[in-house]
Amino acid sequence: MKTFTLLALAGTAAAFAPAAKQGSSTQLAADLDSMAGSIKPIKNFDPLGLADIGSDETLAWFRAAELKHGRVAMLAFSGYVVQSMGFHFPGKLASDVDFSTLSAMKPFDAWDAVPDAGKAQILGTIFVAELASESQGTHYMKGGNTPEVVFPKFDFSGVDADTLKTKQTRELQNGRLAMIGIMGFIAANNVPGSVPALAGLEGFN
């Protein structure tokens, strides 16, 4: 589990960046308060003014990128915690690699120990999921919905607009927090003592 979630962090990205139209203000940028994810006490936190560059398509791509990275970060954070607590699948990952052995390692060391064929399979799965996500209906940069989770498939067709916006906001907020959390784990792993709250916790640094 740890290896899949950590690889998801490394291998998944929001692709197909649009060409920006510099200097043009967008209709979406003018009404950010109405977008999912905008809540008190800090609503439109955009100190770099990214929402005001490019076109509506640019802003839609930014939102899709945030959403995808948040989902990956939630998987990565959960996998890091599960790995560090010693939970693992039974049996072997490969003929010479036990899941129990990987579970005893730090998450990044465990990823290094995964055979190349295993890494290729994980990366391939991520590629297929990304391709499927980007190929559903009208693309989000052309006015379609933001990318949906491909595996498993959720059906929100019967959810009213206000409830759906609340759920979308929760997902974005959880994703934002998870991005901060996994970056903390990465910092603690690479720079000992950089995250005092994790200092001394076995498996987290």
C-alpha atoms as a PDB file:
ATOM      1  CA  MET A   1       0.000   0.000   0.000  1.00  0.00           C
ATOM      2  CA  LYS A   2       2.785   2.373   0.902  1.00  0.00           C
ATOM      3  CA  THR A   3       4.554   1.889  -2.377  1.00  0.00           C
ATOM      4  CA  PHE A   4       1.423   2.549  -4.427  1.00  0.00           C
ATOM      5  CA  THR A   5       0.509   5.721  -2.572  1.00  0.00           C
ATOM      6  CA  LEU A   6       4.028   7.111  -2.606  1.00  0.00           C
ATOM      7  CA  LEU A   7       4.354   6.376  -6.288  1.00  0.00           C
ATOM      8  CA  ALA A   8       1.060   8.070  -6.889  1.00  0.00           C
ATOM      9  CA  LEU A   9       2.588  11.173  -5.344  1.00  0.00           C
ATOM     10  CA  ALA A  10       5.596  10.940  -7.625  1.00  0.00           C
ATOM     11  CA  GLY A  11       3.917   9.816 -10.823  1.00  0.00           C
ATOM     12  CA  THR A  12       0.560  11.585 -11.053  1.00  0.00           C
ATOM     13  CA  ALA A  13       0.329  15.131 -12.334  1.00  0.00           C
ATOM     14  CA  ALA A  14      -2.254  17.292 -13.988  1.00  0.00           C
ATOM     15  CA  ALA A  15      -1.165  17.280 -17.612  1.00  0.00           C
ATOM     16  CA  PHE A  16      -1.804  19.307 -20.747  1.00  0.00           C
ATOM     17  CA  ALA A  17      -1.127  22.854 -19.567  1.00  0.00           C
ATOM     18  CA  PRO A  18      -2.765  25.487 -21.773  1.00  0.00           C
ATOM     19  CA  ALA A  19      -1.061  28.386 -23.442  1.00  0.00           C
ATOM     20  CA  ALA A  20      -1.660  31.396 -21.219  1.00  0.00           C
ATOM     21  CA  LYS A  21      -3.086  34.649 -22.575  1.00  0.00           C
ATOM     22  CA  GLN A  22      -1.161  37.140 -20.509  1.00  0.00           C
ATOM     23  CA  GLY A  23      -2.806  40.250 -19.148  1.00  0.00           C
ATOM     24  CA  SER A  24      -6.451  39.237 -19.605  1.00  0.00           C
ATOM     25  CA  SER A  25      -8.765  39.090 -16.603  1.00  0.00           C
ATOM     26  CA  THR A  26     -11.130  36.135 -16.565  1.00  0.00           C
ATOM     27  CA  GLN A  27     -14.815  35.898 -15.808  1.00  0.00           C
ATOM     28  CA  LEU A  28     -14.082  33.097 -13.352  1.00  0.00           C
ATOM     29  CA  ALA A  29     -11.412  35.116 -11.590  1.00  0.00           C
ATOM     30  CA  ALA A  30     -13.931  37.873 -10.943  1.00  0.00           C
ATOM     31  CA  ASP A  31     -16.190  35.521  -9.004  1.00  0.00           C
ATOM     32  CA  LEU A  32     -13.826  33.257  -7.063  1.00  0.00           C
ATOM     33  CA  ASP A  33     -15.955  33.520  -3.927  1.00  0.00           C
ATOM     34  CA  SER A  34     -18.608  31.394  -5.620  1.00  0.00           C
ATOM     35  CA  MET A  35     -16.198  28.574  -6.490  1.00  0.00           C
ATOM     36  CA  ALA A  36     -15.968  25.413  -4.405  1.00  0.00           C
ATOM     37  CA  GLY A  37     -13.110  25.568  -1.926  1.00  0.00           C
ATOM     38  CA  SER A  38     -13.596  29.223  -1.028  1.00  0.00           C
ATOM     39  CA  ILE A  39     -14.408  29.377   2.687  1.00  0.00           C
ATOM     40  CA  LYS A  40     -13.817  31.581   5.711  1.00  0.00           C
ATOM     41  CA  PRO A  41     -11.639  32.888   7.278  1.00  0.00           C
ATOM     42  CA  ILE A  42      -9.412  33.141   4.188  1.00  0.00           C
ATOM     43  CA  LYS A  43     -11.502  32.962   1.066  1.00  0.00           C
ATOM     44  CA  ASN A  44      -9.642  34.026  -2.059  1.00  0.00           C
ATOM     45  CA  PHE A  45      -6.074  33.504  -0.904  1.00  0.00           C
ATOM     46  CA  ASP A  46      -4.204  34.277  -4.106  1.00  0.00           C
ATOM     47  CA  PRO A  47      -1.196  36.470  -3.191  1.00  0.00           C
ATOM     48  CA  LEU A  48       0.465  35.893  -6.582  1.00  0.00           C
ATOM     49  CA  GLY A  49      -2.654  36.809  -8.539  1.00  0.00           C
ATOM     50  CA  LEU A  50      -2.625  33.533 -10.466  1.00  0.00           C
ATOM     51  CA  ALA A  51      -6.386  33.651 -11.000  1.00  0.00           C
ATOM     52  CA  ASP A  52      -5.986  36.825 -13.038  1.00  0.00           C
ATOM     53  CA  ILE A  53      -3.514  35.535 -15.604  1.00  0.00           C
ATOM     54  CA  GLY A  54      -4.394  33.801 -18.816  1.00  0.00           C
ATOM     55  CA  SER A  55      -7.920  32.820 -19.785  1.00  0.00           C
ATOM     56  CA  ASP A  56     -10.873  30.996 -18.262  1.00  0.00           C
ATOM     57  CA  GLU A  57      -9.255  27.813 -19.573  1.00  0.00           C
ATOM     58  CA  THR A  58      -6.091  28.635 -17.611  1.00  0.00           C
ATOM     59  CA  LEU A  59      -8.038  29.017 -14.379  1.00  0.00           C
ATOM     60  CA  ALA A  60      -9.924  25.787 -15.060  1.00  0.00           C
ATOM     61  CA  TRP A  61      -6.581  24.020 -15.502  1.00  0.00           C
ATOM     62  CA  PHE A  62      -5.271  25.492 -12.239  1.00  0.00           C
ATOM     63  CA  ARG A  63      -8.341  24.182 -10.409  1.00  0.00           C
ATOM     64  CA  ALA A  64      -7.995  20.734 -11.993  1.00  0.00           C
ATOM     65  CA  ALA A  65      -4.300  20.652 -11.055  1.00  0.00           C
ATOM     66  CA  GLU A  66      -5.101  21.573  -7.447  1.00  0.00           C
ATOM     67  CA  LEU A  67      -7.817  18.938  -7.275  1.00  0.00           C
ATOM     68  CA  LYS A  68      -5.640  16.157  -8.704  1.00  0.00           C
ATOM     69  CA  HIS A  69      -2.625  16.992  -6.580  1.00  0.00           C
ATOM     70  CA  GLY A  70      -4.851  17.131  -3.507  1.00  0.00           C
ATOM     71  CA  ARG A  71      -6.220  13.656  -4.241  1.00  0.00           C
ATOM     72  CA  VAL A  72      -2.727  12.273  -4.765  1.00  0.00           C
ATOM     73  CA  ALA A  73      -1.522  13.935  -1.565  1.00  0.00           C
ATOM     74  CA  MET A  74      -4.373  12.368   0.418  1.00  0.00           C
ATOM     75  CA  LEU A  75      -3.356   8.934  -0.877  1.00  0.00           C
ATOM     76  CA  ALA A  76       0.309   9.650  -0.212  1.00  0.00           C
ATOM     77  CA  PHE A  77      -0.287  10.938   3.312  1.00  0.00           C
ATOM     78  CA  SER A  78      -2.494   7.978   4.220  1.00  0.00           C
ATOM     79  CA  GLY A  79       0.001   5.537   2.723  1.00  0.00           C
ATOM     80  CA  TYR A  80       2.903   7.147   4.565  1.00  0.00           C
ATOM     81  CA  VAL A  81       1.093   6.841   7.899  1.00  0.00           C
ATOM     82  CA  VAL A  82      -0.015   3.242   7.263  1.00  0.00           C
ATOM     83  CA  GLN A  83       3.513   2.292   6.154  1.00  0.00           C
ATOM     84  CA  SER A  84       5.113   3.944   9.157  1.00  0.00           C
ATOM     85  CA  MET A  85       2.769   2.120  11.548  1.00  0.00           C
ATOM     86  CA  GLY A  86       3.958  -1.226  10.177  1.00  0.00           C
ATOM     87  CA  PHE A  87       0.801  -2.324   8.366  1.00  0.00           C
ATOM     88  CA  HIS A  88       1.404  -4.219   5.137  1.00  0.00           C
ATOM     89  CA  PHE A  89       0.045  -6.823   2.751  1.00  0.00           C
ATOM     90  CA  PRO A  90       0.819 -10.479   3.529  1.00  0.00           C
ATOM     91  CA  GLY A  91       3.233 -12.473   1.389  1.00  0.00           C
ATOM     92  CA  LYS A  92       5.725 -11.265  -1.176  1.00  0.00           C
ATOM     93  CA  LEU A  93       5.794  -8.370  -3.605  1.00  0.00           C
ATOM     94  CA  ALA A  94       8.320 -10.283  -5.705  1.00  0.00           C
ATOM     95  CA  SER A  95      10.243 -13.539  -5.381  1.00  0.00           C
ATOM     96  CA  ASP A  96      12.959 -11.818  -3.363  1.00  0.00           C
ATOM     97  CA  VAL A  97      10.990  -8.978  -1.751  1.00  0.00           C
ATOM     98  CA  ASP A  98       8.623  -9.473   1.210  1.00  0.00           C
ATOM     99  CA  PHE A  99       5.977  -6.885   2.051  1.00  0.00           C
ATOM    100  CA  SER A 100       7.049  -7.219   5.681  1.00  0.00           C
ATOM    101  CA  THR A 101      10.599  -6.236   4.717  1.00  0.00           C
ATOM    102  CA  LEU A 102       9.391  -3.166   2.863  1.00  0.00           C
ATOM    103  CA  SER A 103       7.148  -2.208   5.767  1.00  0.00           C
ATOM    104  CA  ALA A 104      10.152  -2.136   8.098  1.00  0.00           C
ATOM    105  CA  MET A 105      11.846   0.488   5.910  1.00  0.00           C
ATOM    106  CA  LYS A 106      11.246   4.195   5.657  1.00  0.00           C
ATOM    107  CA  PRO A 107       8.722   4.877   2.869  1.00  0.00           C
ATOM    108  CA  PHE A 108      11.244   6.355   0.442  1.00  0.00           C
ATOM    109  CA  ASP A 109      13.701   3.517   1.069  1.00  0.00           C
ATOM    110  CA  ALA A 110      10.872   1.051   0.493  1.00  0.00           C
ATOM    111  CA  TRP A 111      10.129   2.610  -2.874  1.00  0.00           C
ATOM    112  CA  ASP A 112      13.774   2.239  -3.862  1.00  0.00           C
ATOM    113  CA  ALA A 113      13.561  -1.453  -2.949  1.00  0.00           C
ATOM    114  CA  VAL A 114      10.593  -2.145  -5.235  1.00  0.00           C
ATOM    115  CA  PRO A 115      11.743  -4.039  -8.372  1.00  0.00           C
ATOM    116  CA  ASP A 116      11.780  -2.068 -11.613  1.00  0.00           C
ATOM    117  CA  ALA A 117       8.992  -4.230 -13.039  1.00  0.00           C
ATOM    118  CA  GLY A 118       6.809  -3.336 -10.059  1.00  0.00           C
ATOM    119  CA  LYS A 119       7.527   0.369 -10.472  1.00  0.00           C
ATOM    120  CA  ALA A 120       6.635   0.114 -14.162  1.00  0.00           C
ATOM    121  CA  GLN A 121       3.292  -1.528 -13.332  1.00  0.00           C
ATOM    122  CA  ILE A 122       2.426   1.182 -10.807  1.00  0.00           C
ATOM    123  CA  LEU A 123       3.422   3.969 -13.185  1.00  0.00           C
ATOM    124  CA  GLY A 124       1.419   2.294 -15.959  1.00  0.00           C
ATOM    125  CA  THR A 125      -1.678   2.122 -13.766  1.00  0.00           C
ATOM    126  CA  ILE A 126      -1.310   5.803 -12.925  1.00  0.00           C
ATOM    127  CA  PHE A 127      -0.922   6.663 -16.606  1.00  0.00           C
ATOM    128  CA  VAL A 128      -4.114   4.770 -17.517  1.00  0.00           C
ATOM    129  CA  ALA A 129      -6.040   6.466 -14.687  1.00  0.00           C
ATOM    130  CA  GLU A 130      -4.771   9.887 -15.787  1.00  0.00           C
ATOM    131  CA  LEU A 131      -5.651   9.219 -19.412  1.00  0.00           C
ATOM    132  CA  ALA A 132      -9.136   8.048 -18.472  1.00  0.00           C
ATOM    133  CA  SER A 133      -9.658  11.099 -16.269  1.00  0.00           C
ATOM    134  CA  GLU A 134      -8.622  13.484 -19.032  1.00  0.00           C
ATOM    135  CA  SER A 135     -10.802  11.732 -21.645  1.00  0.00           C
ATOM    136  CA  GLN A 136     -14.207  11.873 -19.957  1.00  0.00           C
ATOM    137  CA  GLY A 137     -16.841  13.881 -21.822  1.00  0.00           C
ATOM    138  CA  THR A 138     -16.204  17.575 -22.438  1.00  0.00           C
ATOM    139  CA  HIS A 139     -12.743  18.504 -21.196  1.00  0.00           C
ATOM    140  CA  TYR A 140     -12.698  20.808 -18.160  1.00  0.00           C
ATOM    141  CA  MET A 141     -10.693  23.392 -20.141  1.00  0.00           C
ATOM    142  CA  LYS A 142     -13.558  23.497 -22.639  1.00  0.00           C
ATOM    143  CA  GLY A 143     -16.276  24.079 -20.045  1.00  0.00           C
ATOM    144  CA  GLY A 144     -16.723  20.512 -18.803  1.00  0.00           C
ATOM    145  CA  ASN A 145     -16.704  19.308 -15.213  1.00  0.00           C
ATOM    146  CA  THR A 146     -13.524  19.046 -13.175  1.00  0.00           C
ATOM    147  CA  PRO A 147     -11.770  15.648 -13.355  1.00  0.00           C
ATOM    148  CA  GLU A 148     -13.602  12.825 -11.620  1.00  0.00           C
ATOM    149  CA  VAL A 149     -12.140   9.933  -9.678  1.00  0.00           C
ATOM    150  CA  VAL A 150     -11.785   7.052 -12.139  1.00  0.00           C
ATOM    151  CA  PHE A 151     -11.184   4.131  -9.765  1.00  0.00           C
ATOM    152  CA  PRO A 152     -13.623   3.701  -8.055  1.00  0.00           C
ATOM    153  CA  LYS A 153     -16.349   5.549  -9.937  1.00  0.00           C
ATOM    154  CA  PHE A 154     -18.673   7.724  -7.854  1.00  0.00           C
ATOM    155  CA  ASP A 155     -22.102   8.841  -9.020  1.00  0.00           C
ATOM    156  CA  PHE A 156     -23.138  12.321  -7.854  1.00  0.00           C
ATOM    157  CA  SER A 157     -25.900  12.772 -10.438  1.00  0.00           C
ATOM    158  CA  GLY A 158     -28.583  12.672  -7.748  1.00  0.00           C
ATOM    159  CA  VAL A 159     -26.903  15.197  -5.436  1.00  0.00           C
ATOM    160  CA  ASP A 160     -28.330  18.735  -5.397  1.00  0.00           C
ATOM    161  CA  ALA A 161     -26.049  21.633  -6.340  1.00  0.00           C
ATOM    162  CA  ASP A 162     -25.548  23.067  -2.825  1.00  0.00           C
ATOM    163  CA  THR A 163     -24.719  19.688  -1.299  1.00  0.00           C
ATOM    164  CA  LEU A 164     -22.349  18.892  -4.158  1.00  0.00           C
ATOM    165  CA  LYS A 165     -20.527  22.206  -3.697  1.00  0.00           C
ATOM    166  CA  THR A 166     -20.131  21.447   0.018  1.00  0.00           C
ATOM    167  CA  LYS A 167     -18.672  18.029  -0.786  1.00  0.00           C
ATOM    168  CA  GLN A 168     -16.337  19.547  -3.380  1.00  0.00           C
ATOM    169  CA  THR A 169     -15.150  22.149  -0.871  1.00  0.00           C
ATOM    170  CA  ARG A 170     -14.443  19.462   1.706  1.00  0.00           C
ATOM    171  CA  GLU A 171     -12.435  17.462  -0.815  1.00  0.00           C
ATOM    172  CA  LEU A 172     -10.380  20.510  -1.797  1.00  0.00           C
ATOM    173  CA  GLN A 173      -9.754  21.504   1.814  1.00  0.00           C
ATOM    174  CA  ASN A 174      -8.721  17.963   2.781  1.00  0.00           C
ATOM    175  CA  GLY A 175      -6.463  17.847  -0.276  1.00  0.00           C
ATOM    176  CA  ARG A 176      -4.822  21.139   0.625  1.00  0.00           C
ATOM    177  CA  LEU A 177      -4.148  19.928   4.148  1.00  0.00           C
ATOM    178  CA  ALA A 178      -2.794  16.626   2.819  1.00  0.00           C
ATOM    179  CA  MET A 179      -0.399  18.486   0.495  1.00  0.00           C
ATOM    180  CA  ILE A 180       0.990  20.352   3.493  1.00  0.00           C
ATOM    181  CA  GLY A 181       1.165  17.099   5.466  1.00  0.00           C
ATOM    182  CA  ILE A 182       3.019  15.037   2.853  1.00  0.00           C
ATOM    183  CA  MET A 183       5.457  17.890   2.244  1.00  0.00           C
ATOM    184  CA  GLY A 184       6.144  17.828   5.976  1.00  0.00           C
ATOM    185  CA  PHE A 185       6.937  14.103   5.785  1.00  0.00           C
ATOM    186  CA  ILE A 186       9.185  14.676   2.772  1.00  0.00           C
ATOM    187  CA  ALA A 187      11.012  17.518   4.532  1.00  0.00           C
ATOM    188  CA  ALA A 188      11.476  15.433   7.686  1.00  0.00           C
ATOM    189  CA  ASN A 189      12.819  12.538   5.606  1.00  0.00           C
ATOM    190  CA  ASN A 190      15.359  14.642   3.711  1.00  0.00           C
ATOM    191  CA  VAL A 191      16.300  17.247   6.323  1.00  0.00           C
ATOM    192  CA  PRO A 192      16.427  15.688   9.817  1.00  0.00           C
ATOM    193  CA  GLY A 193      14.952  17.996  12.442  1.00  0.00           C
ATOM    194  CA  SER A 194      13.242  20.257   9.890  1.00  0.00           C
ATOM    195  CA  VAL A 195       9.809  19.299  11.246  1.00  0.00           C
ATOM    196  CA  PRO A 196      10.063  19.410  15.064  1.00  0.00           C
ATOM    197  CA  ALA A 197       6.640  17.785  15.518  1.00  0.00           C
ATOM    198  CA  LEU A 198       7.931  14.633  13.783  1.00  0.00           C
ATOM    199  CA  ALA A 199      11.326  14.554  15.453  1.00  0.00           C
ATOM    200  CA  GLY A 200      11.908  11.255  17.206  1.00  0.00           C
ATOM    201  CA  LEU A 201       8.868   9.521  15.728  1.00  0.00           C
ATOM    202  CA  GLU A 202      10.035   6.253  14.262  1.00  0.00           C
ATOM    203  CA  GLY A 203       9.263   5.833  10.570  1.00  0.00           C
ATOM    204  CA  PHE A 204       8.329   9.473   9.972  1.00  0.00           C
ATOM    205  CA  ASN A 205      11.820  10.930   9.518  1.00  0.00           C
END
